[in-house]
Amino acid sequence: MLNLHLDPAYTSRDTATYFDDTEFAGGTIVYQPEVYEVADYFARQARRSTVIDLGCGNGEKLRDVAAQRHIGVDFGGNLVACREAYGAWGEWIEADFSSPDCLCLTALAGPDTVIICSDVIEHLVDPAHLLALLAACYVRGAIIITSTPDRARTWGPDHMGPPPNPAHVREWTLPEYAACLTEAGLPVAYAGYTLDNTADMQLATIITVHDGFALAVPAELGVRPLAVIAAYNEADILDQVVRDWIEQGCDVHVIDNWSDDGSWNLLEGIRAEFADRVTIERFPEEPAANYEWRNLLRRKEMIASAHPGRWIIHSDADELRRPPFPWLTMAQGLALAQHAGANRIPFTLLNFRPTASGPDLLAGLTADGLFFDYGIQPEHSVQTKAWLQGEQKVDLVSVGGHIAHFDGAIDFHYKFLLRHYPIRSADHGRRKVMKERKGRWSPDERAMGWHVQYDGFHAGSAYLWDEATLFQQTEDFWPDHGIAIITDVAERGTRRAMLLAGAAQLANKDGHDETNEPFASVPTPGDADASFPPFSPTDLARTLAELKGQMGAMADEVRDLRQRVAHLEAISATAMADES
């Protein structure tokens, strides 16, 4: 008997009601929007050719997942609608997940497969056969993605069933659900929360990822990874950063660009303490009037080229890095990536921001309570800054250090985390921007369009962010944000829409109107380092309403385009069949 790991006081339903998803076809509200974005990410990044959607409903969301082969599995009116709407575009298979016959679908899965099972399990009186199917597919090498509503986040911690939704038999909490899946033969690589729908925009749906590569135990690296760090006047943070790299199992090579704030003396002390782990140098040979980023990148390329067969991380003195799984160190995460056949690492960027009443960033760089935003600007969205050094020298210069270019690069299909602390306080921001950066930029590099991240700042800027425009790190940081960190979900914009929605709700609750003071004014035109302009609360509400209107219009257009494409594909498939 399968242990569902539900609270003993919980009451499930005895019968299931068929869920007709055709009623939601073409609607402006998208349910579990990030689940299919995650599936699309893994299909692309893990180079999986087949996507199977168990419980595909009306099939609309499967259409958004890029793959060579799409298989939708359902029954009843949902499957009829898929066949009528999309025909030969996909393969539509009838199956009842409450029957052991569904196990025959196992033969479709393999190491080229991503399987989606989104909000299906809660509809089954006995989910044992569905879980057995998923476990069998996992054993065959498929990446499994599941989702289901979180009972506590949806209805409150005291809700003990049955679910208010009559089509749901039972609902789990995150710990219950993860335990249930693990016992059923689905070890969890990631378990957290995702957005429930594009109207509520709440992290109230559980999402899990099951991938044998993620849980492999690779051999230790033959040599410790090397973090190559550029620094200029970072004495307030440098000690924490270097020590963190050592704790993460990496060696450190710091290139100091002739700091004058005591950074060099601090580095000498760290080197004396960790003589076998830390190398320091001043570059260039003599102090220079300008900050020449290209020359620093070339120096990093040269350092890396002296270490073939070693993982290199191109970093800065105001950054921490983390692997995609919290139980690993950076060194272990890189070993895992290498075991999976990857030789380059993509990163998701989070910028941590000072606020008027928030905690001191320097009191604990990873502490709960800090505020952050996602680095989702185009110039930040691609960050491949770690690589397994080969015989060929990598190219960092051509794209300003954001991407390590080399022949034969294979990116790991999980993104690592880059925690960035560019401005640590108002005083630090004013000193850094006005004195230590703007006066030192290379004129040639400025002419190339580089170093524009602080153009919107001036001496009178607040150098503080409003908390309403930021996310806050809490004890649920990884469950809440992990799926957006290890994939490209954050870059697709839904998380920003979530933040806007939250700020607008806060504005409405507090009764703000046009007469209120705007948020902390940090001028942002052309500023790549500040994610949001200084909206007033009313502006946020208006922007959110406009976004929802645009989403509705786009949904109508997408629905029409899908119908036209499906119609043409069906005609094409028929014509090809006639020719053969």
Protein backbone atom coordinates (compact mmCIF):
# COMPACT_ATOMS: atom_id res chain seq x y z
CA MET A 1 0.00 0.00 0.00
CA LEU A 2 1.49 3.33 -1.10
CA ASN A 3 2.12 5.77 1.72
CA LEU A 4 0.80 9.16 0.59
CA HIS A 5 2.47 10.86 3.59
CA LEU A 6 -0.58 13.01 4.27
CA ASP A 7 -1.36 14.40 7.71
CA PRO A 8 -3.29 11.70 9.61
CA ALA A 9 -6.08 14.23 10.17
CA TYR A 10 -6.47 14.90 6.46
CA THR A 11 -9.67 13.80 4.68
CA SER A 12 -9.58 12.83 1.00
CA ARG A 13 -12.51 12.31 -1.34
CA ASP A 14 -13.68 8.81 -2.18
CA THR A 15 -14.51 9.56 -5.81
CA ALA A 16 -13.01 11.60 -8.62
CA THR A 17 -14.78 14.00 -10.98
CA TYR A 18 -13.58 14.28 -14.58
CA PHE A 19 -11.83 17.58 -15.20
CA ASP A 20 -12.81 19.08 -18.56
CA ASP A 21 -9.91 21.31 -19.56
CA THR A 22 -11.50 22.30 -22.86
CA GLU A 23 -13.46 24.99 -20.99
CA PHE A 24 -10.17 26.83 -20.43
CA ALA A 25 -8.92 26.67 -24.03
CA GLY A 26 -8.03 30.08 -25.38
CA GLY A 27 -8.49 31.75 -22.00
CA THR A 28 -6.46 34.72 -20.83
CA ILE A 29 -5.48 33.02 -17.56
CA VAL A 30 -2.67 30.48 -17.80
CA TYR A 31 -2.43 27.89 -15.05
CA GLN A 32 0.97 26.62 -13.93
CA PRO A 33 2.67 28.91 -16.49
CA GLU A 34 6.21 28.16 -15.30
CA VAL A 35 5.85 24.37 -15.40
CA TYR A 36 5.88 24.29 -19.18
CA GLU A 37 8.61 26.93 -19.31
CA VAL A 38 10.71 24.61 -17.15
CA ALA A 39 9.95 21.70 -19.48
CA ASP A 40 10.92 23.81 -22.47
CA TYR A 41 14.18 24.77 -20.76
CA PHE A 42 15.18 21.19 -20.04
CA ALA A 43 14.18 20.02 -23.52
CA ARG A 44 16.52 22.64 -24.98
CA GLN A 45 19.38 22.64 -22.50
CA ALA A 46 19.49 18.90 -21.86
CA ARG A 47 19.05 18.30 -25.58
CA ARG A 48 15.95 16.11 -25.17
CA SER A 49 14.06 15.43 -28.38
CA THR A 50 10.78 14.12 -26.93
CA VAL A 51 8.32 15.74 -24.53
CA ILE A 52 5.50 13.68 -23.05
CA ASP A 53 2.66 15.47 -21.27
CA LEU A 54 0.82 13.09 -18.95
CA GLY A 55 -2.60 14.64 -18.45
CA CYS A 56 -2.17 17.15 -21.26
CA GLY A 57 -5.67 18.64 -20.91
CA ASN A 58 -6.53 20.83 -23.87
CA GLY A 59 -2.95 20.66 -25.16
CA GLU A 60 -2.37 24.40 -25.44
CA LYS A 61 0.59 24.60 -23.07
CA LEU A 62 2.33 21.61 -24.65
CA ARG A 63 2.42 23.64 -27.85
CA ASP A 64 4.82 26.06 -26.17
CA VAL A 65 7.47 23.42 -25.47
CA ALA A 66 10.14 23.08 -28.15
CA ALA A 67 10.88 19.47 -29.11
CA GLN A 68 11.07 17.26 -32.16
CA ARG A 69 8.35 14.96 -30.85
CA HIS A 70 5.34 15.87 -28.72
CA ILE A 71 3.15 13.26 -27.06
CA GLY A 72 -0.01 14.20 -25.19
CA VAL A 73 -1.73 11.66 -22.95
CA ASP A 74 -5.26 12.06 -21.61
CA PHE A 75 -8.75 10.67 -22.15
CA GLY A 76 -12.32 11.75 -22.75
CA GLY A 77 -13.19 15.18 -24.10
CA ASN A 78 -9.72 16.55 -23.45
CA LEU A 79 -8.09 14.08 -25.81
CA VAL A 80 -10.80 14.56 -28.45
CA ALA A 81 -10.16 18.31 -28.35
CA CYS A 82 -6.40 17.81 -28.75
CA ARG A 83 -6.85 15.61 -31.78
CA GLU A 84 -9.29 18.02 -33.37
CA ALA A 85 -7.23 21.14 -32.67
CA TYR A 86 -3.70 19.89 -33.27
CA GLY A 87 -3.98 16.66 -35.23
CA ALA A 88 -0.73 15.41 -36.66
CA TRP A 89 1.34 18.10 -34.92
CA GLY A 90 1.54 15.75 -31.94
CA GLU A 91 0.79 12.20 -30.94
CA TRP A 92 -2.34 11.90 -28.82
CA ILE A 93 -2.60 8.76 -26.69
CA GLU A 94 -5.54 7.68 -24.56
CA ALA A 95 -4.73 6.38 -21.08
CA ASP A 96 -6.36 6.15 -17.67
CA PHE A 97 -3.82 6.80 -14.91
CA SER A 98 -6.01 5.02 -12.36
CA SER A 99 -5.47 1.77 -14.27
CA PRO A 100 -2.32 -0.40 -14.30
CA ASP A 101 -2.61 -0.42 -18.10
CA CYS A 102 -1.03 3.04 -18.14
CA LEU A 103 2.34 1.41 -17.36
CA CYS A 104 2.64 0.49 -21.04
CA LEU A 105 3.55 4.15 -21.62
CA THR A 106 6.92 3.45 -20.00
CA ALA A 107 8.22 2.25 -23.36
CA LEU A 108 7.95 5.82 -24.69
CA ALA A 109 10.42 7.20 -22.16
CA GLY A 110 14.19 7.25 -22.32
CA PRO A 111 17.24 9.48 -21.90
CA ASP A 112 15.97 11.70 -24.74
CA THR A 113 12.71 12.47 -22.92
CA VAL A 114 11.21 15.17 -20.71
CA ILE A 115 7.98 14.14 -18.99
CA ILE A 116 5.45 16.64 -17.67
CA CYS A 117 2.82 15.62 -15.13
CA SER A 118 1.25 18.94 -14.24
CA ASP A 119 -1.61 19.05 -11.73
CA VAL A 120 -2.73 15.50 -12.41
CA ILE A 121 -2.06 13.50 -9.26
CA GLU A 122 -4.62 15.39 -7.16
CA HIS A 123 -7.38 14.14 -9.47
CA LEU A 124 -6.78 10.44 -8.77
CA VAL A 125 -8.39 8.38 -6.02
CA ASP A 126 -5.44 5.99 -6.17
CA PRO A 127 -2.31 7.59 -7.65
CA ALA A 128 -0.23 4.42 -7.25
CA HIS A 129 -0.29 3.50 -10.96
CA LEU A 130 0.63 7.03 -12.08
CA LEU A 131 3.52 7.14 -9.62
CA ALA A 132 4.68 3.70 -10.74
CA LEU A 133 4.66 4.94 -14.34
CA LEU A 134 6.67 8.05 -13.44
CA ALA A 135 9.17 5.99 -11.43
CA ALA A 136 9.64 3.57 -14.33
CA CYS A 137 10.24 6.47 -16.72
CA TYR A 138 12.75 7.95 -14.29
CA VAL A 139 14.68 4.69 -14.23
CA ARG A 140 14.83 4.81 -18.04
CA GLY A 141 16.58 8.21 -17.91
CA ALA A 142 13.73 10.68 -18.43
CA ILE A 143 13.67 14.06 -16.70
CA ILE A 144 10.38 14.21 -14.80
CA ILE A 145 8.59 17.46 -13.90
CA THR A 146 5.50 17.31 -11.70
CA SER A 147 3.24 19.87 -10.10
CA THR A 148 0.26 19.90 -7.75
CA PRO A 149 -1.43 22.55 -5.58
CA ASP A 150 0.10 23.14 -2.16
CA ARG A 151 -2.68 22.72 0.37
CA ALA A 152 -1.23 25.01 3.03
CA ARG A 153 -0.35 27.85 0.68
CA THR A 154 -3.67 27.64 -1.15
CA TRP A 155 -6.13 27.19 1.72
CA GLY A 156 -4.08 27.83 4.85
CA PRO A 157 -2.12 25.58 7.23
CA ASP A 158 -5.21 24.38 9.08
CA HIS A 159 -7.06 23.08 6.02
CA MET A 160 -7.51 19.31 6.32
CA GLY A 161 -9.66 18.54 3.30
CA PRO A 162 -11.47 17.57 1.30
CA PRO A 163 -10.29 20.12 -1.29
CA PRO A 164 -12.78 22.89 -2.14
CA ASN A 165 -12.17 22.08 -5.81
CA PRO A 166 -14.58 19.17 -6.46
CA ALA A 167 -12.30 17.76 -9.14
CA HIS A 168 -9.51 17.27 -6.60
CA VAL A 169 -9.41 14.14 -4.45
CA ARG A 170 -6.64 15.32 -2.14
CA GLU A 171 -3.93 17.95 -1.86
CA TRP A 172 -0.51 17.80 -0.23
CA THR A 173 1.89 20.21 1.40
CA LEU A 174 5.40 20.42 -0.03
CA PRO A 175 7.07 18.19 2.60
CA GLU A 176 4.28 15.61 2.32
CA TYR A 177 4.42 15.54 -1.46
CA ALA A 178 8.21 15.27 -1.65
CA ALA A 179 8.15 12.37 0.84
CA CYS A 180 5.41 10.64 -1.14
CA LEU A 181 7.33 10.90 -4.42
CA THR A 182 10.59 9.76 -2.86
CA GLU A 183 8.98 6.65 -1.40
CA ALA A 184 7.34 5.94 -4.77
CA GLY A 185 10.76 5.72 -6.44
CA LEU A 186 11.14 9.33 -7.59
CA PRO A 187 14.18 10.86 -5.84
CA VAL A 188 13.80 14.61 -5.76
CA ALA A 189 16.43 16.82 -7.40
CA TYR A 190 14.35 19.93 -6.74
CA ALA A 191 11.14 20.50 -4.79
CA GLY A 192 9.72 23.97 -4.36
CA TYR A 193 6.99 26.33 -5.44
CA THR A 194 5.88 27.82 -8.72
CA LEU A 195 3.21 30.30 -9.78
CA ASP A 196 -0.34 28.98 -9.62
CA ASN A 197 -1.67 31.08 -12.50
CA THR A 198 -1.21 34.39 -14.27
CA ALA A 199 -4.15 36.00 -12.46
CA ASP A 200 -3.38 35.24 -8.82
CA MET A 201 0.42 35.18 -9.33
CA GLN A 202 1.01 33.31 -6.09
CA LEU A 203 3.73 30.76 -5.35
CA ALA A 204 1.08 28.27 -4.26
CA THR A 205 1.76 25.31 -6.56
CA ILE A 206 4.37 22.65 -5.83
CA ILE A 207 6.86 21.85 -8.58
CA THR A 208 9.34 18.98 -8.51
CA VAL A 209 12.17 17.92 -10.80
CA HIS A 210 13.50 14.35 -10.94
CA ASP A 211 16.71 13.79 -12.87
CA GLY A 212 19.24 11.04 -12.35
CA PHE A 213 22.11 13.28 -13.53
CA ALA A 214 21.35 15.77 -10.76
CA LEU A 215 21.58 13.12 -8.05
CA ALA A 216 24.68 11.36 -9.32
CA VAL A 217 27.69 11.13 -7.01
CA PRO A 218 30.64 12.08 -9.23
CA ALA A 219 34.27 11.44 -8.42
CA GLU A 220 36.11 14.33 -6.81
CA LEU A 221 37.91 16.66 -9.17
CA GLY A 222 41.60 15.97 -9.61
CA VAL A 223 42.42 19.59 -8.93
CA ARG A 224 40.45 22.26 -7.11
CA PRO A 225 38.55 24.79 -9.26
CA LEU A 226 40.14 28.22 -9.55
CA ALA A 227 38.15 31.43 -9.07
CA VAL A 228 39.84 34.32 -10.87
CA ILE A 229 38.64 37.57 -9.30
CA ALA A 230 39.11 41.16 -10.40
CA ALA A 231 39.00 43.74 -7.60
CA TYR A 232 39.21 47.48 -7.15
CA ASN A 233 38.45 49.09 -3.78
CA GLU A 234 36.37 46.23 -2.39
CA ALA A 235 37.91 46.06 1.10
CA ASP A 236 34.50 46.03 2.79
CA ILE A 237 33.48 42.74 1.15
CA LEU A 238 36.68 41.13 -0.11
CA ASP A 239 37.53 39.10 3.00
CA GLN A 240 34.08 37.48 3.10
CA VAL A 241 34.18 36.70 -0.61
CA VAL A 242 37.63 35.09 -0.67
CA ARG A 243 36.89 32.99 2.41
CA ASP A 244 33.61 31.89 0.89
CA TRP A 245 35.40 30.60 -2.20
CA ILE A 246 37.74 28.58 -0.02
CA GLU A 247 34.78 27.14 1.89
CA GLN A 248 33.24 26.23 -1.47
CA GLY A 249 36.26 24.04 -2.25
CA CYS A 250 37.95 26.42 -4.70
CA ASP A 251 41.31 28.16 -4.92
CA VAL A 252 41.44 31.90 -5.58
CA HIS A 253 43.54 34.15 -7.81
CA VAL A 254 42.83 37.84 -7.15
CA ILE A 255 43.82 40.52 -9.66
CA ASP A 256 43.89 43.83 -7.83
CA ASN A 257 43.55 46.87 -10.11
CA TRP A 258 45.61 49.08 -7.77
CA SER A 259 43.06 49.59 -5.02
CA ASP A 260 43.68 52.48 -2.62
CA ASP A 261 41.22 51.52 0.15
CA GLY A 262 43.31 48.90 1.94
CA SER A 263 42.23 45.98 -0.26
CA TRP A 264 45.83 45.04 -1.07
CA ASN A 265 46.92 44.86 2.57
CA LEU A 266 43.86 42.75 3.32
CA LEU A 267 44.73 40.41 0.45
CA GLU A 268 48.28 40.02 1.71
CA GLY A 269 46.91 38.92 5.06
CA ILE A 270 44.58 36.37 3.46
CA ARG A 271 47.41 35.02 1.29
CA ALA A 272 49.59 34.55 4.39
CA GLU A 273 46.77 32.58 6.02
CA PHE A 274 45.97 30.46 2.94
CA ALA A 275 49.32 30.29 1.15
CA ASP A 276 48.42 27.14 -0.79
CA ARG A 277 44.96 28.37 -1.81
CA VAL A 278 45.26 32.09 -2.59
CA THR A 279 47.32 33.90 -5.22
CA ILE A 280 47.33 37.69 -5.52
CA GLU A 281 48.77 40.12 -8.05
CA ARG A 282 48.51 43.76 -8.99
CA PHE A 283 47.59 44.52 -12.57
CA PRO A 284 48.74 46.26 -14.69
CA GLU A 285 52.38 46.56 -13.64
CA GLU A 286 51.91 50.22 -12.74
CA PRO A 287 48.81 52.20 -11.69
CA ALA A 288 46.81 53.51 -14.65
CA ALA A 289 44.47 56.46 -14.93
CA ASN A 290 41.69 54.41 -16.52
CA TYR A 291 39.96 51.15 -15.76
CA GLU A 292 40.65 48.98 -18.83
CA TRP A 293 38.22 46.07 -18.58
CA ARG A 294 39.41 44.44 -21.79
CA ASN A 295 42.96 44.21 -20.45
CA LEU A 296 41.71 42.68 -17.20
CA LEU A 297 39.71 40.12 -19.19
CA ARG A 298 42.77 39.30 -21.29
CA ARG A 299 44.74 38.78 -18.11
CA LYS A 300 42.05 36.39 -16.87
CA GLU A 301 42.21 34.51 -20.17
CA MET A 302 45.97 34.12 -19.76
CA ILE A 303 45.69 32.89 -16.18
CA ALA A 304 43.05 30.35 -17.18
CA SER A 305 45.10 29.09 -20.13
CA ALA A 306 47.86 28.03 -17.72
CA HIS A 307 45.49 25.49 -16.13
CA PRO A 308 44.27 23.01 -18.76
CA GLY A 309 41.98 20.40 -17.29
CA ARG A 310 40.90 22.69 -14.45
CA TRP A 311 37.58 24.40 -13.83
CA ILE A 312 37.92 28.19 -13.97
CA ILE A 313 35.35 30.66 -12.60
CA HIS A 314 35.52 34.22 -13.91
CA SER A 315 34.25 36.31 -11.00
CA ASP A 316 34.39 39.71 -9.34
CA ALA A 317 35.06 40.77 -5.78
CA ASP A 318 31.40 41.60 -5.11
CA GLU A 319 30.02 38.18 -6.10
CA LEU A 320 29.32 34.82 -4.51
CA ARG A 321 28.54 31.69 -6.50
CA ARG A 322 26.47 28.65 -5.63
CA PRO A 323 25.72 25.32 -7.36
CA PRO A 324 22.15 24.42 -8.38
CA PHE A 325 21.68 22.06 -5.44
CA PRO A 326 22.15 23.39 -1.89
CA TRP A 327 23.70 20.20 -0.55
CA LEU A 328 26.74 20.66 -2.81
CA THR A 329 29.73 22.98 -2.71
CA MET A 330 30.81 24.81 -5.84
CA ALA A 331 33.59 22.27 -6.36
CA GLN A 332 31.11 19.41 -6.06
CA GLY A 333 28.66 21.16 -8.37
CA LEU A 334 31.32 21.57 -11.03
CA ALA A 335 32.28 17.90 -10.66
CA LEU A 336 28.60 17.01 -11.16
CA ALA A 337 28.44 19.12 -14.32
CA GLN A 338 31.58 17.47 -15.67
CA HIS A 339 30.13 14.03 -14.86
CA ALA A 340 27.08 14.98 -16.94
CA GLY A 341 29.32 15.81 -19.92
CA ALA A 342 29.26 19.60 -19.58
CA ASN A 343 32.28 21.88 -19.80
CA ARG A 344 30.66 25.29 -19.27
CA ILE A 345 28.30 26.68 -16.64
CA PRO A 346 25.45 29.19 -17.11
CA PHE A 347 24.44 31.36 -14.17
CA THR A 348 21.29 33.11 -13.00
CA LEU A 349 22.06 36.58 -11.67
CA LEU A 350 20.49 37.98 -8.50
CA ASN A 351 21.35 41.55 -7.54
CA PHE A 352 21.14 42.20 -3.80
CA ARG A 353 20.08 45.76 -2.98
CA PRO A 354 20.33 48.12 -0.02
CA THR A 355 17.05 49.58 1.22
CA ALA A 356 16.19 52.32 3.69
CA SER A 357 15.12 49.92 6.44
CA GLY A 358 16.59 46.62 5.31
CA PRO A 359 19.45 44.75 6.99
CA ASP A 360 23.10 45.59 6.47
CA LEU A 361 24.23 43.61 3.44
CA LEU A 362 27.73 43.21 4.82
CA ALA A 363 26.51 41.74 8.12
CA GLY A 364 25.83 38.48 6.31
CA LEU A 365 25.99 38.10 2.55
CA THR A 366 23.70 35.08 2.55
CA ALA A 367 21.52 36.01 5.52
CA ASP A 368 17.73 35.97 5.46
CA GLY A 369 16.10 39.38 5.24
CA LEU A 370 18.18 40.71 2.35
CA PHE A 371 16.36 42.17 -0.67
CA PHE A 372 17.13 41.28 -4.27
CA ASP A 373 15.95 41.36 -7.86
CA TYR A 374 16.63 39.16 -10.84
CA GLY A 375 19.20 40.38 -13.37
CA ILE A 376 16.85 39.92 -16.29
CA GLN A 377 18.12 42.65 -18.62
CA PRO A 378 19.27 41.26 -21.99
CA GLU A 379 22.90 41.98 -21.18
CA HIS A 380 22.56 40.03 -17.92
CA SER A 381 20.43 37.08 -19.05
CA VAL A 382 23.35 35.15 -20.54
CA GLN A 383 26.07 34.56 -17.97
CA THR A 384 28.34 31.63 -18.80
CA LYS A 385 31.26 32.47 -16.55
CA ALA A 386 32.74 29.11 -15.57
CA TRP A 387 34.36 26.55 -17.81
CA LEU A 388 36.58 23.49 -17.89
CA GLN A 389 39.78 24.89 -19.33
CA GLY A 390 41.01 23.09 -22.42
CA GLU A 391 44.06 23.56 -24.59
CA GLN A 392 42.35 26.44 -26.40
CA LYS A 393 42.36 29.86 -24.74
CA VAL A 394 38.84 31.06 -24.01
CA ASP A 395 37.56 34.39 -25.31
CA LEU A 396 36.12 36.64 -22.62
CA VAL A 397 36.76 39.97 -24.29
CA SER A 398 34.41 39.89 -27.26
CA VAL A 399 31.24 40.13 -25.13
CA GLY A 400 32.59 42.06 -22.18
CA GLY A 401 33.14 39.04 -19.94
CA HIS A 402 29.56 37.78 -19.88
CA ILE A 403 30.28 34.64 -21.92
CA ALA A 404 33.31 32.36 -22.05
CA HIS A 405 33.62 31.52 -25.75
CA PHE A 406 35.47 28.43 -26.94
CA ASP A 407 34.95 25.67 -29.47
CA GLY A 408 32.97 22.68 -28.30
CA ALA A 409 31.29 24.40 -25.36
CA ILE A 410 28.57 22.26 -23.74
CA ASP A 411 26.50 24.04 -21.10
CA PHE A 412 25.29 22.17 -18.04
CA HIS A 413 21.50 21.88 -18.08
CA TYR A 414 21.19 23.39 -14.62
CA LYS A 415 22.07 27.01 -14.00
CA PHE A 416 24.25 27.96 -11.05
CA LEU A 417 23.53 31.00 -8.87
CA LEU A 418 25.45 34.28 -9.04
CA ARG A 419 24.78 36.48 -5.99
CA HIS A 420 25.85 40.04 -6.84
CA TYR A 421 26.32 42.89 -4.33
CA PRO A 422 27.23 45.87 -6.54
CA ILE A 423 26.04 48.58 -4.11
CA ARG A 424 26.11 47.74 -0.41
CA SER A 425 24.78 50.98 1.11
CA ALA A 426 23.90 54.52 0.10
CA ASP A 427 27.34 55.80 1.12
CA HIS A 428 29.08 52.96 -0.67
CA GLY A 429 27.03 53.50 -3.81
CA ARG A 430 27.75 57.20 -3.93
CA ARG A 431 31.49 56.66 -3.44
CA LYS A 432 31.70 53.75 -5.87
CA VAL A 433 29.72 55.33 -8.69
CA MET A 434 30.83 58.94 -8.48
CA LYS A 435 34.47 58.49 -7.46
CA GLU A 436 35.66 54.97 -8.17
CA ARG A 437 33.85 54.18 -11.39
CA LYS A 438 32.65 57.13 -13.46
CA GLY A 439 36.00 58.88 -13.33
CA ARG A 440 37.96 55.78 -14.34
CA TRP A 441 36.05 54.30 -17.29
CA SER A 442 38.10 53.70 -20.41
CA PRO A 443 37.00 56.24 -23.07
CA ASP A 444 37.47 53.61 -25.78
CA GLU A 445 35.30 51.09 -23.95
CA ARG A 446 32.64 53.72 -23.28
CA ALA A 447 32.59 54.43 -27.01
CA MET A 448 31.90 50.71 -27.53
CA GLY A 449 28.77 51.00 -25.37
CA TRP A 450 30.35 49.43 -22.29
CA HIS A 451 30.15 50.70 -18.68
CA VAL A 452 26.67 52.18 -18.95
CA GLN A 453 25.31 50.50 -15.83
CA TYR A 454 25.61 53.62 -13.70
CA ASP A 455 24.66 56.26 -16.25
CA GLY A 456 21.35 56.89 -14.51
CA PHE A 457 23.00 57.66 -11.18
CA HIS A 458 24.32 61.01 -10.01
CA ALA A 459 25.55 62.61 -6.79
CA GLY A 460 22.00 63.27 -5.61
CA SER A 461 20.69 59.75 -6.21
CA ALA A 462 19.41 57.87 -3.19
CA TYR A 463 21.39 54.69 -3.97
CA LEU A 464 18.63 52.80 -2.20
CA TRP A 465 15.88 50.60 -3.61
CA ASP A 466 12.30 50.42 -2.43
CA GLU A 467 11.44 47.11 -0.83
CA ALA A 468 8.15 46.94 -2.74
CA THR A 469 10.11 46.54 -5.99
CA LEU A 470 12.25 43.70 -4.66
CA PHE A 471 12.00 40.13 -3.47
CA GLN A 472 13.12 39.33 0.07
CA GLN A 473 15.26 36.38 1.00
CA THR A 474 13.54 34.29 3.67
CA GLU A 475 13.91 30.78 5.03
CA ASP A 476 11.88 29.72 1.97
CA PHE A 477 14.34 31.32 -0.44
CA TRP A 478 15.25 28.08 -2.18
CA PRO A 479 11.73 26.59 -2.39
CA ASP A 480 10.36 29.93 -3.61
CA HIS A 481 13.09 30.88 -6.06
CA GLY A 482 15.09 27.75 -6.80
CA ILE A 483 13.20 26.76 -9.94
CA ALA A 484 13.75 30.26 -11.38
CA ILE A 485 17.45 30.03 -10.52
CA ILE A 486 18.28 26.59 -11.93
CA THR A 487 16.37 27.24 -15.18
CA ASP A 488 15.73 30.31 -17.34
CA VAL A 489 12.27 30.97 -15.88
CA ALA A 490 13.33 34.36 -14.48
CA GLU A 491 14.40 35.55 -17.92
CA ARG A 492 10.98 34.83 -19.39
CA GLY A 493 9.41 37.69 -17.45
CA THR A 494 6.78 35.99 -15.32
CA ARG A 495 8.65 36.62 -12.08
CA ARG A 496 8.81 40.33 -12.83
CA ALA A 497 5.07 40.34 -13.48
CA MET A 498 4.64 38.59 -10.13
CA LEU A 499 6.60 41.33 -8.40
CA LEU A 500 4.57 44.05 -10.09
CA ALA A 501 1.39 42.30 -9.03
CA GLY A 502 2.55 42.11 -5.44
CA ALA A 503 3.55 45.77 -5.37
CA ALA A 504 0.22 46.80 -6.87
CA GLN A 505 -1.68 44.75 -4.30
CA LEU A 506 0.34 46.35 -1.53
CA ALA A 507 -0.41 49.79 -2.96
CA ASN A 508 -4.14 49.07 -3.10
CA LYS A 509 -4.17 47.65 0.43
CA ASP A 510 -2.37 50.68 1.84
CA GLY A 511 -4.64 53.10 0.01
CA HIS A 512 -1.89 54.83 -1.93
CA ASP A 513 -2.84 57.31 -4.63
CA GLU A 514 -1.20 59.86 -6.92
CA THR A 515 -0.43 62.18 -3.99
CA ASN A 516 1.94 59.72 -2.34
CA GLU A 517 5.68 60.09 -2.56
CA PRO A 518 7.30 57.97 -5.27
CA PHE A 519 9.53 55.06 -4.43
CA ALA A 520 13.15 55.77 -3.55
CA SER A 521 14.29 57.72 -6.55
CA VAL A 522 17.17 55.99 -8.29
CA PRO A 523 17.31 57.38 -11.84
CA THR A 524 17.49 54.45 -14.21
CA PRO A 525 17.45 55.51 -17.88
CA GLY A 526 20.00 53.32 -19.61
CA ASP A 527 20.95 51.75 -16.29
CA ALA A 528 21.66 48.06 -16.67
CA ASP A 529 22.23 47.55 -12.96
CA ALA A 530 18.84 48.73 -11.67
CA SER A 531 16.05 46.39 -12.67
CA PHE A 532 13.04 48.66 -12.14
CA PRO A 533 12.33 52.35 -12.68
CA PRO A 534 11.09 54.43 -9.73
CA PHE A 535 7.37 53.63 -10.09
CA SER A 536 4.86 55.10 -7.68
CA PRO A 537 2.42 52.52 -6.25
CA THR A 538 -0.30 53.84 -8.54
CA ASP A 539 2.04 53.53 -11.51
CA LEU A 540 2.64 49.91 -10.56
CA ALA A 541 -1.08 49.17 -10.44
CA ARG A 542 -1.58 50.85 -13.82
CA THR A 543 1.38 48.99 -15.32
CA LEU A 544 0.04 45.69 -14.03
CA ALA A 545 -3.39 46.39 -15.54
CA GLU A 546 -1.76 47.25 -18.87
CA LEU A 547 0.32 44.06 -18.78
CA LYS A 548 -2.76 41.96 -18.10
CA GLY A 549 -4.55 43.64 -20.98
CA GLN A 550 -1.62 42.98 -23.28
CA MET A 551 -1.48 39.36 -22.11
CA GLY A 552 -5.17 38.95 -22.93
CA ALA A 553 -4.74 40.39 -26.40
CA MET A 554 -1.67 38.28 -27.01
CA ALA A 555 -3.49 35.17 -25.80
CA ASP A 556 -6.21 35.77 -28.38
CA GLU A 557 -3.62 36.23 -31.12
CA VAL A 558 -1.68 33.16 -30.03
CA ARG A 559 -4.85 31.07 -29.97
CA ASP A 560 -5.71 32.14 -33.51
CA LEU A 561 -2.17 31.47 -34.71
CA ARG A 562 -2.16 28.06 -33.08
CA GLN A 563 -5.39 27.13 -34.78
CA ARG A 564 -4.05 28.25 -38.15
CA VAL A 565 -0.76 26.41 -37.65
CA ALA A 566 -2.54 23.26 -36.52
CA HIS A 567 -4.82 23.45 -39.53
CA LEU A 568 -1.91 23.86 -41.94
CA GLU A 569 0.09 21.10 -40.26
CA ALA A 570 -2.87 18.75 -40.55
CA ILE A 571 -3.20 19.56 -44.25
CA SER A 572 0.54 19.05 -44.71
CA ALA A 573 0.49 15.73 -42.89
CA THR A 574 -2.41 14.54 -45.03
CA ALA A 575 -0.67 15.62 -48.22
CA MET A 576 2.54 13.83 -47.23
CA ALA A 577 0.59 10.70 -46.42
CA ASP A 578 -1.12 10.84 -49.84
CA GLU A 579 2.23 11.24 -51.59
CA SER A 580 3.66 8.24 -49.81
